[in-house]
PDB file of all heavy atoms in Angstrom:
ATOM      1  N   PRO A   1     -80.246-187.149  54.065  1.00  0.00           N
ATOM      2  CA  PRO A   1     -79.352-186.019  54.283  1.00  0.00           C
ATOM      3  C   PRO A   1     -77.935-186.500  54.610  1.00  0.00           C
ATOM      4  O   PRO A   1     -77.751-187.604  55.110  1.00  0.00           O
ATOM      5  CB  PRO A   1     -79.962-185.293  55.474  1.00  0.00           C
ATOM      6  CG  PRO A   1     -80.640-186.366  56.251  1.00  0.00           C
ATOM      7  CD  PRO A   1     -81.129-187.381  55.228  1.00  0.00           C
ATOM      8  N   ALA A   2     -76.964-185.653  54.325  1.00  0.00           N
ATOM      9  CA  ALA A   2     -75.577-185.995  54.629  1.00  0.00           C
ATOM     10  C   ALA A   2     -75.370-185.992  56.149  1.00  0.00           C
ATOM     11  O   ALA A   2     -75.845-185.099  56.842  1.00  0.00           O
ATOM     12  CB  ALA A   2     -74.626-184.997  53.971  1.00  0.00           C
ATOM     13  N   PHE A   3     -74.718-187.020  56.634  1.00  0.00           N
ATOM     14  CA  PHE A   3     -74.418-187.147  58.057  1.00  0.00           C
ATOM     15  C   PHE A   3     -73.237-186.259  58.404  1.00  0.00           C
ATOM     16  O   PHE A   3     -72.240-186.238  57.690  1.00  0.00           O
ATOM     17  CB  PHE A   3     -74.083-188.605  58.375  1.00  0.00           C
ATOM     18  CG  PHE A   3     -73.687-188.857  59.798  1.00  0.00           C
ATOM     19  CD1 PHE A   3     -74.653-189.066  60.768  1.00  0.00           C
ATOM     20  CD2 PHE A   3     -72.353-188.893  60.159  1.00  0.00           C
ATOM     21  CE1 PHE A   3     -74.289-189.317  62.087  1.00  0.00           C
ATOM     22  CE2 PHE A   3     -71.980-189.144  61.470  1.00  0.00           C
ATOM     23  CZ  PHE A   3     -72.951-189.361  62.440  1.00  0.00           C
ATOM     24  N   SER A   4     -73.344-185.540  59.523  1.00  0.00           N
ATOM     25  CA  SER A   4     -72.246-184.709  60.010  1.00  0.00           C
ATOM     26  C   SER A   4     -72.037-184.971  61.496  1.00  0.00           C
ATOM     27  O   SER A   4     -72.869-184.597  62.323  1.00  0.00           O
ATOM     28  CB  SER A   4     -72.547-183.224  59.794  1.00  0.00           C
ATOM     29  OG  SER A   4     -71.576-182.429  60.466  1.00  0.00           O
ATOM     30  N   ILE A   5     -70.936-185.604  61.833  1.00  0.00           N
ATOM     31  CA  ILE A   5     -70.620-185.869  63.229  1.00  0.00           C
ATOM     32  C   ILE A   5     -70.361-184.562  63.967  1.00  0.00           C
ATOM     33  O   ILE A   5     -70.716-184.434  65.146  1.00  0.00           O
ATOM     34  CB  ILE A   5     -69.444-186.868  63.369  1.00  0.00           C
ATOM     35  CG1 ILE A   5     -69.384-187.457  64.790  1.00  0.00           C
ATOM     36  CG2 ILE A   5     -68.133-186.229  62.986  1.00  0.00           C
ATOM     37  CD1 ILE A   5     -70.482-188.424  65.110  1.00  0.00           C
ATOM     38  N   ASP A   6     -69.778-183.582  63.293  1.00  0.00           N
ATOM     39  CA  ASP A   6     -69.540-182.270  63.916  1.00  0.00           C
ATOM     40  C   ASP A   6     -70.854-181.647  64.369  1.00  0.00           C
ATOM     41  O   ASP A   6     -70.967-181.176  65.505  1.00  0.00           O
ATOM     42  CB  ASP A   6     -68.815-181.318  62.950  1.00  0.00           C
ATOM     43  CG  ASP A   6     -67.397-181.758  62.634  1.00  0.00           C
ATOM     44  OD1 ASP A   6     -66.683-182.195  63.563  1.00  0.00           O
ATOM     45  OD2 ASP A   6     -67.007-181.663  61.461  1.00  0.00           O
ATOM     46  N   GLU A   7     -71.849-181.652  63.495  1.00  0.00           N
ATOM     47  CA  GLU A   7     -73.153-181.076  63.837  1.00  0.00           C
ATOM     48  C   GLU A   7     -73.797-181.831  64.990  1.00  0.00           C
ATOM     49  O   GLU A   7     -74.396-181.219  65.880  1.00  0.00           O
ATOM     50  CB  GLU A   7     -74.080-181.092  62.624  1.00  0.00           C
ATOM     51  CG  GLU A   7     -73.706-180.091  61.561  1.00  0.00           C
ATOM     52  CD  GLU A   7     -74.586-180.188  60.324  1.00  0.00           C
ATOM     53  OE1 GLU A   7     -75.632-180.897  60.357  1.00  0.00           O
ATOM     54  OE2 GLU A   7     -74.235-179.560  59.315  1.00  0.00           O
ATOM     55  N   ARG A   8     -73.692-183.126  64.995  1.00  0.00           N
ATOM     56  CA  ARG A   8     -74.299-183.933  66.061  1.00  0.00           C
ATOM     57  C   ARG A   8     -73.685-183.605  67.419  1.00  0.00           C
ATOM     58  O   ARG A   8     -74.394-183.490  68.408  1.00  0.00           O
ATOM     59  CB  ARG A   8     -74.141-185.411  65.754  1.00  0.00           C
ATOM     60  CG  ARG A   8     -74.837-185.804  64.469  1.00  0.00           C
ATOM     61  CD  ARG A   8     -75.801-186.860  64.730  1.00  0.00           C
ATOM     62  NE  ARG A   8     -76.522-187.165  63.496  1.00  0.00           N
ATOM     63  CZ  ARG A   8     -77.295-188.188  63.372  1.00  0.00           C
ATOM     64  NH1 ARG A   8     -77.456-189.013  64.370  1.00  0.00           N
ATOM     65  NH2 ARG A   8     -77.939-188.395  62.255  1.00  0.00           N
ATOM     66  N   PHE A   9     -72.366-183.467  67.464  1.00  0.00           N
ATOM     67  CA  PHE A   9     -71.718-183.168  68.739  1.00  0.00           C
ATOM     68  C   PHE A   9     -71.928-181.706  69.151  1.00  0.00           C
ATOM     69  O   PHE A   9     -72.068-181.421  70.334  1.00  0.00           O
ATOM     70  CB  PHE A   9     -70.230-183.540  68.684  1.00  0.00           C
ATOM     71  CG  PHE A   9     -69.987-184.978  69.057  1.00  0.00           C
ATOM     72  CD1 PHE A   9     -70.146-185.979  68.113  1.00  0.00           C
ATOM     73  CD2 PHE A   9     -69.625-185.338  70.342  1.00  0.00           C
ATOM     74  CE1 PHE A   9     -69.942-187.312  68.440  1.00  0.00           C
ATOM     75  CE2 PHE A   9     -69.420-186.664  70.690  1.00  0.00           C
ATOM     76  CZ  PHE A   9     -69.582-187.650  69.743  1.00  0.00           C
ATOM     77  N   ARG A  10     -71.955-180.800  68.185  1.00  0.00           N
ATOM     78  CA  ARG A  10     -72.252-179.394  68.514  1.00  0.00           C
ATOM     79  C   ARG A  10     -73.634-179.279  69.138  1.00  0.00           C
ATOM     80  O   ARG A  10     -73.838-178.507  70.077  1.00  0.00           O
ATOM     81  CB  ARG A  10     -72.151-178.507  67.270  1.00  0.00           C
ATOM     82  CG  ARG A  10     -70.769-177.928  67.054  1.00  0.00           C
ATOM     83  CD  ARG A  10     -70.774-176.751  66.086  1.00  0.00           C
ATOM     84  NE  ARG A  10     -71.402-177.021  64.812  1.00  0.00           N
ATOM     85  CZ  ARG A  10     -70.802-177.562  63.758  1.00  0.00           C
ATOM     86  NH1 ARG A  10     -69.532-177.880  63.821  1.00  0.00           N
ATOM     87  NH2 ARG A  10     -71.446-177.767  62.642  1.00  0.00           N
ATOM     88  N   ALA A  11     -74.595-180.045  68.629  1.00  0.00           N
ATOM     89  CA  ALA A  11     -75.958-180.022  69.172  1.00  0.00           C
ATOM     90  C   ALA A  11     -75.991-180.498  70.619  1.00  0.00           C
ATOM     91  O   ALA A  11     -76.907-180.147  71.372  1.00  0.00           O
ATOM     92  CB  ALA A  11     -76.884-180.890  68.313  1.00  0.00           C
ATOM     93  N   ARG A  12     -74.990-181.262  71.025  1.00  0.00           N
ATOM     94  CA  ARG A  12     -74.894-181.729  72.410  1.00  0.00           C
ATOM     95  C   ARG A  12     -73.967-180.858  73.248  1.00  0.00           C
ATOM     96  O   ARG A  12     -73.611-181.220  74.369  1.00  0.00           O
ATOM     97  CB  ARG A  12     -74.408-183.172  72.426  1.00  0.00           C
ATOM     98  CG  ARG A  12     -75.423-184.103  71.802  1.00  0.00           C
ATOM     99  CD  ARG A  12     -75.228-185.561  72.147  1.00  0.00           C
ATOM    100  NE  ARG A  12     -73.870-186.049  72.116  1.00  0.00           N
ATOM    101  CZ  ARG A  12     -73.439-187.001  71.301  1.00  0.00           C
ATOM    102  NH1 ARG A  12     -74.261-187.542  70.420  1.00  0.00           N
ATOM    103  NH2 ARG A  12     -72.205-187.423  71.367  1.00  0.00           N
ATOM    104  N   GLY A  13     -73.542-179.729  72.669  1.00  0.00           N
ATOM    105  CA  GLY A  13     -72.728-178.788  73.431  1.00  0.00           C
ATOM    106  C   GLY A  13     -71.232-178.989  73.352  1.00  0.00           C
ATOM    107  O   GLY A  13     -70.481-178.356  74.089  1.00  0.00           O
ATOM    108  N   VAL A  14     -70.773-179.847  72.458  1.00  0.00           N
ATOM    109  CA  VAL A  14     -69.336-180.059  72.290  1.00  0.00           C
ATOM    110  C   VAL A  14     -68.835-179.058  71.262  1.00  0.00           C
ATOM    111  O   VAL A  14     -69.193-179.135  70.085  1.00  0.00           O
ATOM    112  CB  VAL A  14     -69.029-181.508  71.841  1.00  0.00           C
ATOM    113  CG1 VAL A  14     -67.548-181.673  71.550  1.00  0.00           C
ATOM    114  CG2 VAL A  14     -69.500-182.500  72.889  1.00  0.00           C
ATOM    115  N   GLY A  15     -68.012-178.116  71.697  1.00  0.00           N
ATOM    116  CA  GLY A  15     -67.527-177.080  70.795  1.00  0.00           C
ATOM    117  C   GLY A  15     -66.344-177.513  69.947  1.00  0.00           C
ATOM    118  O   GLY A  15     -66.246-177.159  68.786  1.00  0.00           O
ATOM    119  N   ASP A  16     -65.436-178.261  70.537  1.00  0.00           N
ATOM    120  CA  ASP A  16     -64.228-178.696  69.833  1.00  0.00           C
ATOM    121  C   ASP A  16     -64.219-180.220  69.777  1.00  0.00           C
ATOM    122  O   ASP A  16     -63.779-180.888  70.718  1.00  0.00           O
ATOM    123  CB  ASP A  16     -62.986-178.170  70.556  1.00  0.00           C
ATOM    124  CG  ASP A  16     -61.690-178.536  69.857  1.00  0.00           C
ATOM    125  OD1 ASP A  16     -61.723-179.273  68.839  1.00  0.00           O
ATOM    126  OD2 ASP A  16     -60.626-178.099  70.331  1.00  0.00           O
ATOM    127  N   LEU A  17     -64.722-180.745  68.689  1.00  0.00           N
ATOM    128  CA  LEU A  17     -64.860-182.196  68.542  1.00  0.00           C
ATOM    129  C   LEU A  17     -63.512-182.900  68.617  1.00  0.00           C
ATOM    130  O   LEU A  17     -63.382-183.938  69.261  1.00  0.00           O
ATOM    131  CB  LEU A  17     -65.571-182.541  67.232  1.00  0.00           C
ATOM    132  CG  LEU A  17     -65.766-184.030  66.944  1.00  0.00           C
ATOM    133  CD1 LEU A  17     -66.532-184.710  68.074  1.00  0.00           C
ATOM    134  CD2 LEU A  17     -66.460-184.221  65.620  1.00  0.00           C
ATOM    135  N   HIS A  18     -62.494-182.333  68.003  1.00  0.00           N
ATOM    136  CA  HIS A  18     -61.180-182.990  67.998  1.00  0.00           C
ATOM    137  C   HIS A  18     -60.652-183.157  69.421  1.00  0.00           C
ATOM    138  O   HIS A  18     -60.197-184.240  69.796  1.00  0.00           O
ATOM    139  CB  HIS A  18     -60.197-182.221  67.133  1.00  0.00           C
ATOM    140  CG  HIS A  18     -60.466-182.385  65.670  1.00  0.00           C
ATOM    141  ND1 HIS A  18     -59.472-182.344  64.740  1.00  0.00           N
ATOM    142  CD2 HIS A  18     -61.602-182.605  64.974  1.00  0.00           C
ATOM    143  CE1 HIS A  18     -59.987-182.521  63.527  1.00  0.00           C
ATOM    144  NE2 HIS A  18     -61.279-182.684  63.659  1.00  0.00           N
ATOM    145  N   SER A  19     -60.708-182.103  70.207  1.00  0.00           N
ATOM    146  CA  SER A  19     -60.258-182.192  71.602  1.00  0.00           C
ATOM    147  C   SER A  19     -61.089-183.204  72.372  1.00  0.00           C
ATOM    148  O   SER A  19     -60.565-183.987  73.169  1.00  0.00           O
ATOM    149  CB  SER A  19     -60.348-180.823  72.283  1.00  0.00           C
ATOM    150  OG  SER A  19     -59.437-179.933  71.702  1.00  0.00           O
ATOM    151  N   HIS A  20     -62.376-183.207  72.134  1.00  0.00           N
ATOM    152  CA  HIS A  20     -63.290-184.128  72.813  1.00  0.00           C
ATOM    153  C   HIS A  20     -62.924-185.581  72.495  1.00  0.00           C
ATOM    154  O   HIS A  20     -62.926-186.440  73.381  1.00  0.00           O
ATOM    155  CB  HIS A  20     -64.734-183.815  72.401  1.00  0.00           C
ATOM    156  CG  HIS A  20     -65.770-184.569  73.137  1.00  0.00           C
ATOM    157  ND1 HIS A  20     -66.089-184.329  74.454  1.00  0.00           N
ATOM    158  CD2 HIS A  20     -66.579-185.593  72.747  1.00  0.00           C
ATOM    159  CE1 HIS A  20     -67.044-185.159  74.836  1.00  0.00           C
ATOM    160  NE2 HIS A  20     -67.361-185.936  73.818  1.00  0.00           N
ATOM    161  N   VAL A  21     -62.606-185.839  71.240  1.00  0.00           N
ATOM    162  CA  VAL A  21     -62.212-187.188  70.828  1.00  0.00           C
ATOM    163  C   VAL A  21     -60.932-187.606  71.551  1.00  0.00           C
ATOM    164  O   VAL A  21     -60.857-188.704  72.112  1.00  0.00           O
ATOM    165  CB  VAL A  21     -62.040-187.267  69.291  1.00  0.00           C
ATOM    166  CG1 VAL A  21     -61.321-188.535  68.871  1.00  0.00           C
ATOM    167  CG2 VAL A  21     -63.400-187.158  68.608  1.00  0.00           C
ATOM    168  N   TYR A  22     -59.928-186.720  71.581  1.00  0.00           N
ATOM    169  CA  TYR A  22     -58.670-187.046  72.255  1.00  0.00           C
ATOM    170  C   TYR A  22     -58.871-187.228  73.758  1.00  0.00           C
ATOM    171  O   TYR A  22     -58.313-188.155  74.364  1.00  0.00           O
ATOM    172  CB  TYR A  22     -57.616-185.972  71.996  1.00  0.00           C
ATOM    173  CG  TYR A  22     -57.010-186.057  70.622  1.00  0.00           C
ATOM    174  CD1 TYR A  22     -57.182-185.026  69.697  1.00  0.00           C
ATOM    175  CD2 TYR A  22     -56.246-187.158  70.233  1.00  0.00           C
ATOM    176  CE1 TYR A  22     -56.620-185.097  68.434  1.00  0.00           C
ATOM    177  CE2 TYR A  22     -55.681-187.236  68.964  1.00  0.00           C
ATOM    178  CZ  TYR A  22     -55.875-186.202  68.077  1.00  0.00           C
ATOM    179  OH  TYR A  22     -55.316-186.276  66.824  1.00  0.00           O
ATOM    180  N   GLU A  23     -59.661-186.365  74.358  1.00  0.00           N
ATOM    181  CA  GLU A  23     -59.904-186.447  75.811  1.00  0.00           C
ATOM    182  C   GLU A  23     -60.565-187.759  76.207  1.00  0.00           C
ATOM    183  O   GLU A  23     -60.389-188.240  77.318  1.00  0.00           O
ATOM    184  CB  GLU A  23     -60.778-185.274  76.261  1.00  0.00           C
ATOM    185  CG  GLU A  23     -60.063-183.938  76.243  1.00  0.00           C
ATOM    186  CD  GLU A  23     -61.004-182.747  76.346  1.00  0.00           C
ATOM    187  OE1 GLU A  23     -62.227-182.932  76.553  1.00  0.00           O
ATOM    188  OE2 GLU A  23     -60.510-181.608  76.208  1.00  0.00           O
ATOM    189  N   ASN A  24     -61.325-188.344  75.299  1.00  0.00           N
ATOM    190  CA  ASN A  24     -62.032-189.587  75.583  1.00  0.00           C
ATOM    191  C   ASN A  24     -61.330-190.834  75.037  1.00  0.00           C
ATOM    192  O   ASN A  24     -61.856-191.941  75.171  1.00  0.00           O
ATOM    193  CB  ASN A  24     -63.463-189.505  75.036  1.00  0.00           C
ATOM    194  CG  ASN A  24     -64.314-188.590  75.880  1.00  0.00           C
ATOM    195  OD1 ASN A  24     -64.744-188.973  76.961  1.00  0.00           O
ATOM    196  ND2 ASN A  24     -64.537-187.371  75.422  1.00  0.00           N
ATOM    197  N   GLY A  25     -60.163-190.648  74.422  1.00  0.00           N
ATOM    198  CA  GLY A  25     -59.400-191.786  73.912  1.00  0.00           C
ATOM    199  C   GLY A  25     -60.032-192.472  72.716  1.00  0.00           C
ATOM    200  O   GLY A  25     -59.876-193.676  72.528  1.00  0.00           O
ATOM    201  N   TRP A  26     -60.739-191.700  71.890  1.00  0.00           N
ATOM    202  CA  TRP A  26     -61.449-192.267  70.735  1.00  0.00           C
ATOM    203  C   TRP A  26     -60.713-192.073  69.410  1.00  0.00           C
ATOM    204  O   TRP A  26     -61.290-192.270  68.342  1.00  0.00           O
ATOM    205  CB  TRP A  26     -62.826-191.610  70.598  1.00  0.00           C
ATOM    206  CG  TRP A  26     -63.749-191.796  71.751  1.00  0.00           C
ATOM    207  CD1 TRP A  26     -63.751-192.792  72.669  1.00  0.00           C
ATOM    208  CD2 TRP A  26     -64.836-190.935  72.092  1.00  0.00           C
ATOM    209  NE1 TRP A  26     -64.772-192.619  73.564  1.00  0.00           N
ATOM    210  CE2 TRP A  26     -65.454-191.478  73.233  1.00  0.00           C
ATOM    211  CE3 TRP A  26     -65.351-189.756  71.551  1.00  0.00           C
ATOM    212  CZ2 TRP A  26     -66.555-190.886  73.834  1.00  0.00           C
ATOM    213  CZ3 TRP A  26     -66.451-189.173  72.154  1.00  0.00           C
ATOM    214  CH2 TRP A  26     -67.047-189.740  73.281  1.00  0.00           C
ATOM    215  N   GLU A  27     -59.447-191.713  69.459  1.00  0.00           N
ATOM    216  CA  GLU A  27     -58.771-191.325  68.223  1.00  0.00           C
ATOM    217  C   GLU A  27     -58.541-192.459  67.223  1.00  0.00           C
ATOM    218  O   GLU A  27     -58.362-192.207  66.047  1.00  0.00           O
ATOM    219  CB  GLU A  27     -57.458-190.585  68.502  1.00  0.00           C
ATOM    220  CG  GLU A  27     -56.488-191.279  69.404  1.00  0.00           C
ATOM    221  CD  GLU A  27     -56.669-190.967  70.875  1.00  0.00           C
ATOM    222  OE1 GLU A  27     -57.805-190.828  71.354  1.00  0.00           O
ATOM    223  OE2 GLU A  27     -55.647-190.871  71.568  1.00  0.00           O
ATOM    224  N   HIS A  28     -58.568-193.685  67.635  1.00  0.00           N
ATOM    225  CA  HIS A  28     -58.331-194.803  66.705  1.00  0.00           C
ATOM    226  C   HIS A  28     -59.553-195.709  66.585  1.00  0.00           C
ATOM    227  O   HIS A  28     -59.418-196.920  66.392  1.00  0.00           O
ATOM    228  CB  HIS A  28     -57.110-195.614  67.154  1.00  0.00           C
ATOM    229  CG  HIS A  28     -55.860-194.807  67.189  1.00  0.00           C
ATOM    230  ND1 HIS A  28     -55.231-194.367  66.045  1.00  0.00           N
ATOM    231  CD2 HIS A  28     -55.144-194.304  68.222  1.00  0.00           C
ATOM    232  CE1 HIS A  28     -54.171-193.653  66.384  1.00  0.00           C
ATOM    233  NE2 HIS A  28     -54.099-193.598  67.690  1.00  0.00           N
ATOM    234  N   THR A  29     -60.724-195.107  66.700  1.00  0.00           N
ATOM    235  CA  THR A  29     -61.954-195.884  66.635  1.00  0.00           C
ATOM    236  C   THR A  29     -63.000-195.170  65.786  1.00  0.00           C
ATOM    237  O   THR A  29     -62.894-193.977  65.518  1.00  0.00           O
ATOM    238  CB  THR A  29     -62.562-196.088  68.041  1.00  0.00           C
ATOM    239  OG1 THR A  29     -62.928-194.808  68.563  1.00  0.00           O
ATOM    240  CG2 THR A  29     -61.600-196.758  68.987  1.00  0.00           C
ATOM    241  N   VAL A  30     -63.997-195.930  65.393  1.00  0.00           N
ATOM    242  CA  VAL A  30     -65.179-195.353  64.771  1.00  0.00           C
ATOM    243  C   VAL A  30     -66.103-194.958  65.925  1.00  0.00           C
ATOM    244  O   VAL A  30     -66.404-195.785  66.793  1.00  0.00           O
ATOM    245  CB  VAL A  30     -65.881-196.371  63.843  1.00  0.00           C
ATOM    246  CG1 VAL A  30     -67.197-195.817  63.327  1.00  0.00           C
ATOM    247  CG2 VAL A  30     -64.961-196.753  62.688  1.00  0.00           C
ATOM    248  N   LEU A  31     -66.518-193.700  65.960  1.00  0.00           N
ATOM    249  CA  LEU A  31     -67.385-193.239  67.037  1.00  0.00           C
ATOM    250  C   LEU A  31     -68.703-194.009  66.998  1.00  0.00           C
ATOM    251  O   LEU A  31     -69.272-194.260  65.932  1.00  0.00           O
ATOM    252  CB  LEU A  31     -67.643-191.743  66.910  1.00  0.00           C
ATOM    253  CG  LEU A  31     -66.397-190.841  66.981  1.00  0.00           C
ATOM    254  CD1 LEU A  31     -66.801-189.374  66.904  1.00  0.00           C
ATOM    255  CD2 LEU A  31     -65.591-191.104  68.238  1.00  0.00           C
ATOM    256  N   ASP A  32     -69.187-194.374  68.167  1.00  0.00           N
ATOM    257  CA  ASP A  32     -70.402-195.193  68.271  1.00  0.00           C
ATOM    258  C   ASP A  32     -71.575-194.575  67.525  1.00  0.00           C
ATOM    259  O   ASP A  32     -72.337-195.279  66.854  1.00  0.00           O
ATOM    260  CB  ASP A  32     -70.785-195.406  69.740  1.00  0.00           C
ATOM    261  CG  ASP A  32     -69.820-196.318  70.475  1.00  0.00           C
ATOM    262  OD1 ASP A  32     -69.064-197.058  69.822  1.00  0.00           O
ATOM    263  OD2 ASP A  32     -69.824-196.280  71.722  1.00  0.00           O
ATOM    264  N   GLU A  33     -71.744-193.272  67.647  1.00  0.00           N
ATOM    265  CA  GLU A  33     -72.874-192.608  66.998  1.00  0.00           C
ATOM    266  C   GLU A  33     -72.795-192.724  65.479  1.00  0.00           C
ATOM    267  O   GLU A  33     -73.808-192.962  64.809  1.00  0.00           O
ATOM    268  CB  GLU A  33     -72.932-191.141  67.413  1.00  0.00           C
ATOM    269  CG  GLU A  33     -74.157-190.425  66.921  1.00  0.00           C
ATOM    270  CD  GLU A  33     -74.369-189.073  67.579  1.00  0.00           C
ATOM    271  OE1 GLU A  33     -73.738-188.775  68.592  1.00  0.00           O
ATOM    272  OE2 GLU A  33     -75.197-188.315  67.052  1.00  0.00           O
ATOM    273  N   ALA A  34     -71.601-192.569  64.939  1.00  0.00           N
ATOM    274  CA  ALA A  34     -71.423-192.692  63.491  1.00  0.00           C
ATOM    275  C   ALA A  34     -71.647-194.138  63.048  1.00  0.00           C
ATOM    276  O   ALA A  34     -72.323-194.395  62.048  1.00  0.00           O
ATOM    277  CB  ALA A  34     -70.031-192.220  63.087  1.00  0.00           C
ATOM    278  N   ARG A  35     -71.080-195.075  63.790  1.00  0.00           N
ATOM    279  CA  ARG A  35     -71.256-196.492  63.425  1.00  0.00           C
ATOM    280  C   ARG A  35     -72.740-196.860  63.420  1.00  0.00           C
ATOM    281  O   ARG A  35     -73.236-197.482  62.477  1.00  0.00           O
ATOM    282  CB  ARG A  35     -70.501-197.423  64.368  1.00  0.00           C
ATOM    283  CG  ARG A  35     -70.684-198.893  63.977  1.00  0.00           C
ATOM    284  CD  ARG A  35     -69.890-199.831  64.838  1.00  0.00           C
ATOM    285  NE  ARG A  35     -68.465-199.674  64.695  1.00  0.00           N
ATOM    286  CZ  ARG A  35     -67.727-200.158  63.684  1.00  0.00           C
ATOM    287  NH1 ARG A  35     -68.320-200.822  62.710  1.00  0.00           N
ATOM    288  NH2 ARG A  35     -66.426-199.986  63.661  1.00  0.00           N
ATOM    289  N   ALA A  36     -73.449-196.462  64.450  1.00  0.00           N
ATOM    290  CA  ALA A  36     -74.880-196.791  64.537  1.00  0.00           C
ATOM    291  C   ALA A  36     -75.642-196.181  63.361  1.00  0.00           C
ATOM    292  O   ALA A  36     -76.497-196.847  62.757  1.00  0.00           O
ATOM    293  CB  ALA A  36     -75.448-196.297  65.863  1.00  0.00           C
ATOM    294  N   PHE A  37     -75.334-194.929  63.032  1.00  0.00           N
ATOM    295  CA  PHE A  37     -76.025-194.274  61.922  1.00  0.00           C
ATOM    296  C   PHE A  37     -75.754-194.999  60.610  1.00  0.00           C
ATOM    297  O   PHE A  37     -76.687-195.345  59.873  1.00  0.00           O
ATOM    298  CB  PHE A  37     -75.607-192.805  61.804  1.00  0.00           C
ATOM    299  CG  PHE A  37     -76.245-192.104  60.643  1.00  0.00           C
ATOM    300  CD1 PHE A  37     -77.493-191.529  60.769  1.00  0.00           C
ATOM    301  CD2 PHE A  37     -75.608-192.047  59.404  1.00  0.00           C
ATOM    302  CE1 PHE A  37     -78.106-190.894  59.687  1.00  0.00           C
ATOM    303  CE2 PHE A  37     -76.208-191.419  58.320  1.00  0.00           C
ATOM    304  CZ  PHE A  37     -77.463-190.846  58.460  1.00  0.00           C
ATOM    305  N   PHE A  38     -74.484-195.226  60.301  1.00  0.00           N
ATOM    306  CA  PHE A  38     -74.133-195.817  59.011  1.00  0.00           C
ATOM    307  C   PHE A  38     -74.543-197.289  58.906  1.00  0.00           C
ATOM    308  O   PHE A  38     -74.915-197.755  57.833  1.00  0.00           O
ATOM    309  CB  PHE A  38     -72.656-195.619  58.704  1.00  0.00           C
ATOM    310  CG  PHE A  38     -72.296-194.197  58.387  1.00  0.00           C
ATOM    311  CD1 PHE A  38     -71.309-193.536  59.101  1.00  0.00           C
ATOM    312  CD2 PHE A  38     -72.952-193.497  57.384  1.00  0.00           C
ATOM    313  CE1 PHE A  38     -70.972-192.214  58.812  1.00  0.00           C
ATOM    314  CE2 PHE A  38     -72.633-192.178  57.083  1.00  0.00           C
ATOM    315  CZ  PHE A  38     -71.642-191.538  57.802  1.00  0.00           C
ATOM    316  N   GLU A  39     -74.476-198.029  60.013  1.00  0.00           N
ATOM    317  CA  GLU A  39     -74.929-199.422  59.959  1.00  0.00           C
ATOM    318  C   GLU A  39     -76.424-199.501  59.689  1.00  0.00           C
ATOM    319  O   GLU A  39     -76.890-200.365  58.954  1.00  0.00           O
ATOM    320  CB  GLU A  39     -74.580-200.153  61.252  1.00  0.00           C
ATOM    321  CG  GLU A  39     -73.119-200.557  61.316  1.00  0.00           C
ATOM    322  CD  GLU A  39     -72.761-201.311  62.584  1.00  0.00           C
ATOM    323  OE1 GLU A  39     -73.551-201.321  63.556  1.00  0.00           O
ATOM    324  OE2 GLU A  39     -71.659-201.883  62.605  1.00  0.00           O
ATOM    325  N   ALA A  40     -77.192-198.603  60.295  1.00  0.00           N
ATOM    326  CA  ALA A  40     -78.648-198.624  60.135  1.00  0.00           C
ATOM    327  C   ALA A  40     -79.122-197.994  58.826  1.00  0.00           C
ATOM    328  O   ALA A  40     -80.256-198.219  58.401  1.00  0.00           O
ATOM    329  CB  ALA A  40     -79.313-197.901  61.309  1.00  0.00           C
TER     330      ALA A  40
END
């Protein structure tokens, strides 16, 4: 199935993924969850 980071974060209760990324300082990185999925 196609991977969707939006769906994964919504399932954890994150409504606004973009704001969440900025709030956590992840804007210039590959998110750990995505990296783990695609590497595996």
